[in-house]
Amino acid sequence: MLDYSWPGNIRELENEVERLVVLAGEDNTVTPDLLSSRILEKTGGASPAGLKGINTNGTLKGALSELEAYMIKEGLKRTNFNKSKLAKELGISRAGLIMKVEKYGLDKRVKKAS
């Protein structure tokens, strides 16, 4: 979002933020893939693989934890929470994946307090 020139000024920014909030839903997580196509086209397609939007401040350990949690969260969604399948994709044991899911609070059965 920082790389976009916002030719529509504040109204365009407000509309995009509202759109992102709606698309994030109950998950409350905004990722680059939720951005409007016009923004992605003009900024070169900000994607997780391109490392745009990744916080480069702080420690390497913190950044790696953030990336690990993101990959697991997205993988769980993609595999419909099939931990055996995801563990195989990630190249880790199922038990290791379960520990990481608990560590990052990503278990779909645990309801978040609002």
Protein backbone atom coordinates (compact mmCIF):
# COMPACT_ATOMS: atom_id res chain seq x y z
CA MET A 1 0.00 0.00 0.00
CA LEU A 2 2.96 2.31 0.59
CA ASP A 3 4.13 1.88 -3.02
CA TYR A 4 0.79 3.04 -4.48
CA SER A 5 0.42 6.74 -5.40
CA TRP A 6 -3.30 6.99 -4.40
CA PRO A 7 -4.43 9.18 -7.32
CA GLY A 8 -7.98 9.18 -5.90
CA ASN A 9 -6.62 10.83 -2.75
CA ILE A 10 -8.09 10.08 0.68
CA ARG A 11 -11.41 8.71 -0.66
CA GLU A 12 -9.65 5.98 -2.60
CA LEU A 13 -7.58 5.06 0.46
CA GLU A 14 -10.67 5.00 2.68
CA ASN A 15 -12.50 2.75 0.22
CA GLU A 16 -9.55 0.36 0.01
CA VAL A 17 -9.23 0.14 3.80
CA GLU A 18 -12.97 -0.56 4.15
CA ARG A 19 -12.69 -3.24 1.48
CA LEU A 20 -9.74 -4.86 3.28
CA VAL A 21 -11.58 -4.90 6.60
CA VAL A 22 -14.59 -6.59 5.02
CA LEU A 23 -12.45 -9.16 3.18
CA ALA A 24 -10.39 -9.94 6.28
CA GLY A 25 -13.60 -11.03 8.01
CA GLU A 26 -13.44 -12.73 11.39
CA ASP A 27 -9.80 -13.58 10.77
CA ASN A 28 -8.85 -9.90 11.21
CA THR A 29 -5.71 -10.45 9.13
CA VAL A 30 -4.99 -8.30 6.12
CA THR A 31 -2.58 -9.87 3.63
CA PRO A 32 -1.31 -8.58 0.28
CA ASP A 33 -3.57 -10.96 -1.65
CA LEU A 34 -6.60 -9.00 -0.38
CA LEU A 35 -5.52 -5.78 -2.10
CA SER A 36 -7.48 -4.54 -5.12
CA SER A 37 -6.18 -5.68 -8.49
CA ARG A 38 -5.56 -2.07 -9.59
CA ILE A 39 -3.21 -1.56 -6.65
CA LEU A 40 -1.40 -4.84 -7.24
CA GLU A 41 -0.96 -4.00 -10.94
CA LYS A 42 0.49 -0.55 -10.28
CA THR A 43 2.83 -1.69 -7.50
CA GLY A 44 4.21 -4.73 -9.28
CA GLY A 45 1.97 -7.28 -7.56
CA ALA A 46 2.86 -7.20 -3.89
CA SER A 47 3.01 -10.82 -2.84
CA PRO A 48 4.26 -12.70 0.21
CA ALA A 49 6.87 -14.37 -2.01
CA GLY A 50 8.16 -10.93 -3.01
CA LEU A 51 8.57 -10.03 0.67
CA LYS A 52 6.58 -6.82 0.32
CA GLY A 53 4.72 -5.98 3.50
CA ILE A 54 7.07 -8.04 5.66
CA ASN A 55 8.29 -6.20 8.73
CA THR A 56 12.07 -5.98 8.44
CA ASN A 57 12.51 -4.27 11.81
CA GLY A 58 13.24 -6.30 14.91
CA THR A 59 15.00 -9.60 15.24
CA LEU A 60 15.50 -12.33 12.70
CA LYS A 61 13.92 -14.78 15.12
CA GLY A 62 10.78 -12.62 15.31
CA ALA A 63 10.56 -12.30 11.53
CA LEU A 64 11.00 -16.04 11.07
CA SER A 65 8.27 -16.74 13.63
CA GLU A 66 5.94 -14.34 11.81
CA LEU A 67 6.63 -16.05 8.48
CA GLU A 68 6.26 -19.52 10.01
CA ALA A 69 2.90 -18.62 11.56
CA TYR A 70 1.71 -17.12 8.25
CA MET A 71 2.74 -20.19 6.25
CA ILE A 72 1.04 -22.55 8.68
CA LYS A 73 -2.12 -20.45 8.84
CA GLU A 74 -2.42 -20.27 5.06
CA GLY A 75 -1.55 -23.96 4.72
CA LEU A 76 -4.24 -24.93 7.21
CA LYS A 77 -6.80 -22.99 5.21
CA ARG A 78 -5.60 -24.50 1.93
CA THR A 79 -5.69 -28.09 3.26
CA ASN A 80 -8.96 -27.57 5.16
CA PHE A 81 -7.09 -28.11 8.45
CA ASN A 82 -5.68 -31.49 7.35
CA LYS A 83 -2.58 -31.47 9.56
CA SER A 84 -1.10 -34.67 8.13
CA LYS A 85 -1.23 -33.30 4.59
CA LEU A 86 0.16 -29.91 5.63
CA ALA A 87 2.98 -31.44 7.68
CA LYS A 88 4.02 -33.45 4.62
CA GLU A 89 3.92 -30.30 2.42
CA LEU A 90 6.01 -28.35 4.93
CA GLY A 91 8.49 -31.19 5.43
CA ILE A 92 7.94 -31.48 9.18
CA SER A 93 6.41 -34.11 11.42
CA ARG A 94 2.71 -34.01 12.24
CA ALA A 95 3.59 -33.73 15.94
CA GLY A 96 5.88 -30.79 15.16
CA LEU A 97 3.12 -29.09 13.20
CA ILE A 98 0.63 -29.61 16.03
CA MET A 99 3.07 -27.98 18.48
CA LYS A 100 3.47 -24.99 16.15
CA VAL A 101 -0.31 -24.68 15.63
CA GLU A 102 -0.71 -24.52 19.41
CA LYS A 103 2.23 -22.11 19.78
CA TYR A 104 0.67 -19.64 17.32
CA GLY A 105 -2.94 -20.24 18.41
CA LEU A 106 -4.04 -21.38 14.95
CA ASP A 107 -6.33 -24.27 15.93
CA LYS A 108 -9.75 -23.63 14.39
CA ARG A 109 -11.47 -25.36 17.31
CA VAL A 110 -10.19 -22.76 19.78
CA LYS A 111 -12.58 -19.81 19.76
CA LYS A 112 -10.97 -16.43 20.15
CA ALA A 113 -12.38 -14.17 22.86
CA SER A 114 -13.59 -10.86 21.43
